[in-house]
Amino acid sequence: MTRPSPPFPEGQPKRFRSTVHGIVFAGRDRYVDGLAAGDPLRLVPDPPVQEAPEVWVHLESGEPIGHLPPDIAHWLWPWLAHGGIARARLLKVRGAEVPSWRRVLLEVSCGVQ
């Protein structure tokens, strides 16, 4: 039995585009060159014990590639942590000549199975 999704945060978009931050740390950038437009990605909320929990972006195989910007995580994390479901797909990947925080662009759809 599936449980109902929590109420979506009022005033926030159910579909939006976002860059992915933090890809240059911990060797996560090694996965970026293998990505292509249209690839599905998973969004994983930090455990609630974090002081400022983030929403992490993972490959379908499970490896983390970075996280959503803090201003998005601020409202999206609580919704995801309480059972909300969101899907992400890759829109664009740029080369290493672009600043890391602008290399990966994805589209997020909230409230979809």
N, C-alpha and C. Protein backbone atom coordinates (compact mmCIF):
# COMPACT_ATOMS: atom_id res chain seq x y z
N MET A 1 0.84 -1.17 0.00
CA MET A 1 0.00 0.00 0.00
C MET A 1 0.89 1.25 0.00
N THR A 2 0.62 2.17 -0.91
CA THR A 2 1.40 3.40 -0.95
C THR A 2 0.75 4.44 -0.06
N ARG A 3 1.59 5.18 0.62
CA ARG A 3 1.04 6.21 1.50
C ARG A 3 0.89 7.50 0.69
N PRO A 4 -0.06 8.34 1.06
CA PRO A 4 -0.27 9.58 0.31
C PRO A 4 0.91 10.53 0.47
N SER A 5 1.14 11.30 -0.56
CA SER A 5 2.21 12.29 -0.54
C SER A 5 1.82 13.44 0.39
N PRO A 6 2.78 14.01 1.11
CA PRO A 6 2.46 15.14 1.99
C PRO A 6 2.06 16.36 1.15
N PRO A 7 1.41 17.34 1.77
CA PRO A 7 1.05 18.55 1.03
C PRO A 7 2.29 19.22 0.45
N PHE A 8 2.18 19.65 -0.78
CA PHE A 8 3.30 20.30 -1.43
C PHE A 8 3.47 21.72 -0.88
N PRO A 9 4.72 22.18 -0.73
CA PRO A 9 4.95 23.53 -0.17
C PRO A 9 4.27 24.62 -1.01
N GLU A 10 3.45 25.39 -0.35
CA GLU A 10 2.68 26.44 -1.02
C GLU A 10 3.61 27.48 -1.66
N GLY A 11 3.28 27.86 -2.88
CA GLY A 11 4.03 28.90 -3.58
C GLY A 11 5.28 28.40 -4.29
N GLN A 12 5.57 27.11 -4.22
CA GLN A 12 6.77 26.58 -4.87
C GLN A 12 6.38 25.87 -6.17
N PRO A 13 7.28 25.85 -7.14
CA PRO A 13 6.96 25.22 -8.43
C PRO A 13 7.04 23.70 -8.36
N LYS A 14 6.08 23.03 -8.98
CA LYS A 14 6.12 21.56 -9.03
C LYS A 14 7.05 21.06 -10.12
N ARG A 15 7.41 21.93 -11.04
CA ARG A 15 8.38 21.59 -12.07
C ARG A 15 9.33 22.78 -12.20
N PHE A 16 10.62 22.49 -12.16
CA PHE A 16 11.61 23.56 -12.24
C PHE A 16 12.93 23.02 -12.77
N ARG A 17 13.79 23.93 -13.16
CA ARG A 17 15.14 23.60 -13.60
C ARG A 17 16.12 24.06 -12.53
N SER A 18 17.21 23.31 -12.41
CA SER A 18 18.21 23.64 -11.41
C SER A 18 19.59 23.18 -11.87
N THR A 19 20.60 23.90 -11.43
CA THR A 19 21.96 23.44 -11.58
C THR A 19 22.26 22.46 -10.44
N VAL A 20 23.38 21.75 -10.57
CA VAL A 20 23.82 20.82 -9.53
C VAL A 20 25.13 21.35 -8.97
N HIS A 21 25.18 21.52 -7.67
CA HIS A 21 26.36 22.07 -7.00
C HIS A 21 27.18 20.95 -6.38
N GLY A 22 28.45 21.24 -6.14
CA GLY A 22 29.32 20.32 -5.42
C GLY A 22 29.89 19.17 -6.24
N ILE A 23 29.83 19.26 -7.56
CA ILE A 23 30.31 18.12 -8.36
C ILE A 23 31.83 17.97 -8.35
N VAL A 24 32.56 19.01 -7.98
CA VAL A 24 34.02 18.92 -8.00
C VAL A 24 34.60 18.29 -6.73
N PHE A 25 33.80 18.01 -5.74
CA PHE A 25 34.30 17.47 -4.48
C PHE A 25 34.20 15.94 -4.46
N ALA A 26 35.11 15.33 -3.74
CA ALA A 26 35.13 13.88 -3.52
C ALA A 26 35.15 13.08 -4.82
N GLY A 27 35.69 13.66 -5.87
CA GLY A 27 35.81 12.94 -7.14
C GLY A 27 34.50 12.73 -7.88
N ARG A 28 33.45 13.44 -7.46
CA ARG A 28 32.15 13.25 -8.11
C ARG A 28 32.16 13.69 -9.57
N ASP A 29 33.06 14.59 -9.93
CA ASP A 29 33.11 15.08 -11.31
C ASP A 29 33.47 13.98 -12.31
N ARG A 30 34.03 12.88 -11.86
CA ARG A 30 34.39 11.79 -12.78
C ARG A 30 33.16 11.18 -13.45
N TYR A 31 31.99 11.37 -12.88
CA TYR A 31 30.77 10.83 -13.46
C TYR A 31 30.14 11.76 -14.50
N VAL A 32 30.48 13.04 -14.44
CA VAL A 32 29.80 14.04 -15.27
C VAL A 32 30.02 13.80 -16.76
N ASP A 33 31.23 13.45 -17.16
CA ASP A 33 31.51 13.25 -18.58
C ASP A 33 30.71 12.11 -19.19
N GLY A 34 30.25 11.17 -18.39
CA GLY A 34 29.46 10.05 -18.88
C GLY A 34 27.97 10.32 -18.95
N LEU A 35 27.55 11.53 -18.57
CA LEU A 35 26.13 11.87 -18.57
C LEU A 35 25.70 12.42 -19.92
N ALA A 36 24.42 12.24 -20.24
CA ALA A 36 23.87 12.75 -21.49
C ALA A 36 22.47 13.30 -21.23
N ALA A 37 22.08 14.28 -22.04
CA ALA A 37 20.74 14.86 -21.93
C ALA A 37 19.70 13.75 -21.96
N GLY A 38 18.73 13.85 -21.07
CA GLY A 38 17.67 12.86 -20.99
C GLY A 38 17.90 11.79 -19.93
N ASP A 39 19.12 11.68 -19.42
CA ASP A 39 19.40 10.67 -18.39
C ASP A 39 18.55 10.93 -17.15
N PRO A 40 17.95 9.88 -16.59
CA PRO A 40 17.22 10.05 -15.33
C PRO A 40 18.19 10.14 -14.16
N LEU A 41 17.85 10.94 -13.18
CA LEU A 41 18.64 11.10 -11.96
C LEU A 41 17.70 10.96 -10.77
N ARG A 42 18.25 10.58 -9.63
CA ARG A 42 17.45 10.42 -8.42
C ARG A 42 17.75 11.56 -7.45
N LEU A 43 16.73 11.99 -6.72
CA LEU A 43 16.90 13.01 -5.69
C LEU A 43 16.78 12.33 -4.33
N VAL A 44 17.78 12.54 -3.47
CA VAL A 44 17.83 11.86 -2.18
C VAL A 44 18.01 12.91 -1.08
N PRO A 45 17.04 13.03 -0.16
CA PRO A 45 17.20 13.99 0.93
C PRO A 45 18.18 13.49 1.98
N ASP A 46 18.97 14.42 2.53
CA ASP A 46 19.85 14.08 3.66
C ASP A 46 19.03 13.54 4.82
N PRO A 47 19.66 12.77 5.72
CA PRO A 47 18.97 12.39 6.95
C PRO A 47 18.61 13.63 7.76
N PRO A 48 17.57 13.58 8.56
CA PRO A 48 17.11 14.77 9.30
C PRO A 48 18.05 15.25 10.38
N VAL A 49 19.12 14.55 10.68
CA VAL A 49 20.04 14.98 11.74
C VAL A 49 20.99 16.08 11.27
N GLN A 50 21.02 16.37 9.99
CA GLN A 50 21.89 17.41 9.47
C GLN A 50 21.40 18.79 9.90
N GLU A 51 22.34 19.69 10.18
CA GLU A 51 21.96 21.05 10.58
C GLU A 51 21.26 21.78 9.44
N ALA A 52 21.80 21.67 8.24
CA ALA A 52 21.20 22.27 7.04
C ALA A 52 21.11 21.17 5.99
N PRO A 53 20.09 20.32 6.08
CA PRO A 53 20.02 19.17 5.18
C PRO A 53 19.92 19.58 3.71
N GLU A 54 20.55 18.76 2.87
CA GLU A 54 20.57 19.02 1.44
C GLU A 54 19.78 17.96 0.70
N VAL A 55 19.53 18.25 -0.56
CA VAL A 55 18.91 17.27 -1.46
C VAL A 55 19.99 16.88 -2.46
N TRP A 56 20.39 15.63 -2.41
CA TRP A 56 21.48 15.13 -3.25
C TRP A 56 20.96 14.59 -4.56
N VAL A 57 21.77 14.75 -5.60
CA VAL A 57 21.47 14.25 -6.93
C VAL A 57 22.35 13.02 -7.15
N HIS A 58 21.70 11.88 -7.44
CA HIS A 58 22.40 10.62 -7.63
C HIS A 58 22.15 10.09 -9.03
N LEU A 59 23.12 9.36 -9.54
CA LEU A 59 22.90 8.60 -10.77
C LEU A 59 21.92 7.47 -10.46
N GLU A 60 21.30 6.91 -11.46
CA GLU A 60 20.40 5.78 -11.26
C GLU A 60 21.13 4.62 -10.60
N SER A 61 22.44 4.50 -10.82
CA SER A 61 23.23 3.43 -10.22
C SER A 61 23.56 3.69 -8.75
N GLY A 62 23.25 4.88 -8.25
CA GLY A 62 23.42 5.19 -6.84
C GLY A 62 24.51 6.17 -6.49
N GLU A 63 25.46 6.43 -7.39
CA GLU A 63 26.55 7.34 -7.06
C GLU A 63 26.06 8.79 -6.99
N PRO A 64 26.46 9.52 -5.95
CA PRO A 64 26.09 10.94 -5.87
C PRO A 64 26.96 11.78 -6.80
N ILE A 65 26.34 12.75 -7.47
CA ILE A 65 27.13 13.65 -8.33
C ILE A 65 27.14 15.08 -7.79
N GLY A 66 26.29 15.39 -6.84
CA GLY A 66 26.24 16.73 -6.27
C GLY A 66 24.92 16.94 -5.54
N HIS A 67 24.60 18.18 -5.31
CA HIS A 67 23.37 18.50 -4.58
C HIS A 67 22.68 19.71 -5.22
N LEU A 68 21.40 19.86 -4.91
CA LEU A 68 20.66 21.03 -5.38
C LEU A 68 21.11 22.26 -4.59
N PRO A 69 20.93 23.45 -5.15
CA PRO A 69 21.31 24.67 -4.42
C PRO A 69 20.55 24.78 -3.09
N PRO A 70 21.17 25.40 -2.09
CA PRO A 70 20.54 25.51 -0.77
C PRO A 70 19.17 26.18 -0.78
N ASP A 71 18.94 27.17 -1.64
CA ASP A 71 17.64 27.84 -1.63
C ASP A 71 16.52 26.90 -2.08
N ILE A 72 16.83 25.92 -2.90
CA ILE A 72 15.84 24.92 -3.30
C ILE A 72 15.71 23.86 -2.19
N ALA A 73 16.85 23.39 -1.68
CA ALA A 73 16.83 22.37 -0.63
C ALA A 73 16.04 22.85 0.59
N HIS A 74 16.09 24.14 0.86
CA HIS A 74 15.39 24.70 2.02
C HIS A 74 13.90 24.34 2.03
N TRP A 75 13.25 24.38 0.87
CA TRP A 75 11.82 24.05 0.84
C TRP A 75 11.55 22.63 0.33
N LEU A 76 12.43 22.09 -0.52
CA LEU A 76 12.19 20.76 -1.09
C LEU A 76 12.54 19.64 -0.12
N TRP A 77 13.61 19.83 0.67
CA TRP A 77 14.03 18.78 1.59
C TRP A 77 12.91 18.34 2.54
N PRO A 78 12.22 19.25 3.24
CA PRO A 78 11.18 18.78 4.17
C PRO A 78 10.10 17.97 3.47
N TRP A 79 9.72 18.39 2.28
CA TRP A 79 8.68 17.68 1.54
C TRP A 79 9.15 16.28 1.17
N LEU A 80 10.37 16.17 0.64
CA LEU A 80 10.91 14.85 0.29
C LEU A 80 11.09 13.98 1.53
N ALA A 81 11.60 14.57 2.62
CA ALA A 81 11.86 13.81 3.84
C ALA A 81 10.58 13.26 4.47
N HIS A 82 9.45 13.87 4.15
CA HIS A 82 8.17 13.40 4.69
C HIS A 82 7.37 12.58 3.68
N GLY A 83 8.06 12.11 2.64
CA GLY A 83 7.41 11.18 1.71
C GLY A 83 7.09 11.72 0.34
N GLY A 84 7.40 12.99 0.08
CA GLY A 84 7.18 13.53 -1.26
C GLY A 84 8.06 12.81 -2.28
N ILE A 85 7.59 12.75 -3.51
CA ILE A 85 8.33 12.07 -4.56
C ILE A 85 8.62 13.05 -5.69
N ALA A 86 9.87 13.08 -6.10
CA ALA A 86 10.27 13.95 -7.21
C ALA A 86 11.19 13.15 -8.13
N ARG A 87 11.14 13.46 -9.39
CA ARG A 87 12.00 12.85 -10.40
C ARG A 87 12.82 13.94 -11.06
N ALA A 88 14.01 13.58 -11.46
CA ALA A 88 14.88 14.53 -12.15
C ALA A 88 15.41 13.89 -13.42
N ARG A 89 15.59 14.72 -14.43
CA ARG A 89 16.24 14.25 -15.65
C ARG A 89 17.20 15.32 -16.11
N LEU A 90 18.26 14.86 -16.70
CA LEU A 90 19.33 15.73 -17.14
C LEU A 90 18.92 16.48 -18.40
N LEU A 91 19.10 17.80 -18.38
CA LEU A 91 18.80 18.61 -19.55
C LEU A 91 20.06 18.94 -20.34
N LYS A 92 21.16 19.27 -19.62
CA LYS A 92 22.37 19.71 -20.31
C LYS A 92 23.60 19.44 -19.44
N VAL A 93 24.67 19.02 -20.11
CA VAL A 93 25.97 18.86 -19.46
C VAL A 93 26.97 19.68 -20.24
N ARG A 94 27.71 20.52 -19.55
CA ARG A 94 28.73 21.34 -20.19
C ARG A 94 30.10 20.83 -19.80
N GLY A 95 31.11 21.26 -20.53
CA GLY A 95 32.48 20.81 -20.31
C GLY A 95 33.17 21.46 -19.13
N ALA A 96 34.38 21.01 -18.87
CA ALA A 96 35.16 21.47 -17.72
C ALA A 96 35.53 22.95 -17.82
N GLU A 97 35.37 23.58 -18.99
CA GLU A 97 35.67 25.01 -19.13
C GLU A 97 34.62 25.88 -18.47
N VAL A 98 33.49 25.31 -18.11
CA VAL A 98 32.39 26.02 -17.46
C VAL A 98 32.54 25.85 -15.95
N PRO A 99 32.26 26.89 -15.15
CA PRO A 99 32.33 26.72 -13.69
C PRO A 99 31.51 25.51 -13.24
N SER A 100 32.03 24.78 -12.26
CA SER A 100 31.42 23.51 -11.85
C SER A 100 29.95 23.64 -11.49
N TRP A 101 29.57 24.72 -10.85
CA TRP A 101 28.18 24.89 -10.43
C TRP A 101 27.24 25.20 -11.60
N ARG A 102 27.79 25.34 -12.82
CA ARG A 102 26.95 25.58 -14.00
C ARG A 102 27.05 24.44 -15.02
N ARG A 103 27.81 23.40 -14.70
CA ARG A 103 28.05 22.33 -15.67
C ARG A 103 26.85 21.44 -15.90
N VAL A 104 26.08 21.16 -14.88
CA VAL A 104 24.98 20.20 -14.98
C VAL A 104 23.66 20.92 -14.73
N LEU A 105 22.75 20.81 -15.69
CA LEU A 105 21.41 21.41 -15.57
C LEU A 105 20.38 20.28 -15.63
N LEU A 106 19.48 20.27 -14.67
CA LEU A 106 18.45 19.23 -14.68
C LEU A 106 17.07 19.84 -14.54
N GLU A 107 16.07 19.03 -14.86
CA GLU A 107 14.68 19.40 -14.67
C GLU A 107 14.09 18.49 -13.61
N VAL A 108 13.43 19.09 -12.64
CA VAL A 108 12.83 18.35 -11.53
C VAL A 108 11.31 18.42 -11.65
N SER A 109 10.66 17.29 -11.51
CA SER A 109 9.20 17.20 -11.50
C SER A 109 8.78 16.62 -10.16
N CYS A 110 7.99 17.36 -9.41
CA CYS A 110 7.56 16.93 -8.07
C CYS A 110 6.15 16.34 -8.11
N GLY A 111 5.95 15.34 -7.27
CA GLY A 111 4.63 14.74 -7.15
C GLY A 111 4.32 13.74 -8.24
N VAL A 112 5.36 13.19 -8.87
CA VAL A 112 5.17 12.19 -9.92
C VAL A 112 5.71 10.85 -9.43
N GLN A 113 5.12 9.78 -9.88
CA GLN A 113 5.58 8.42 -9.51
C GLN A 113 6.61 7.93 -10.47
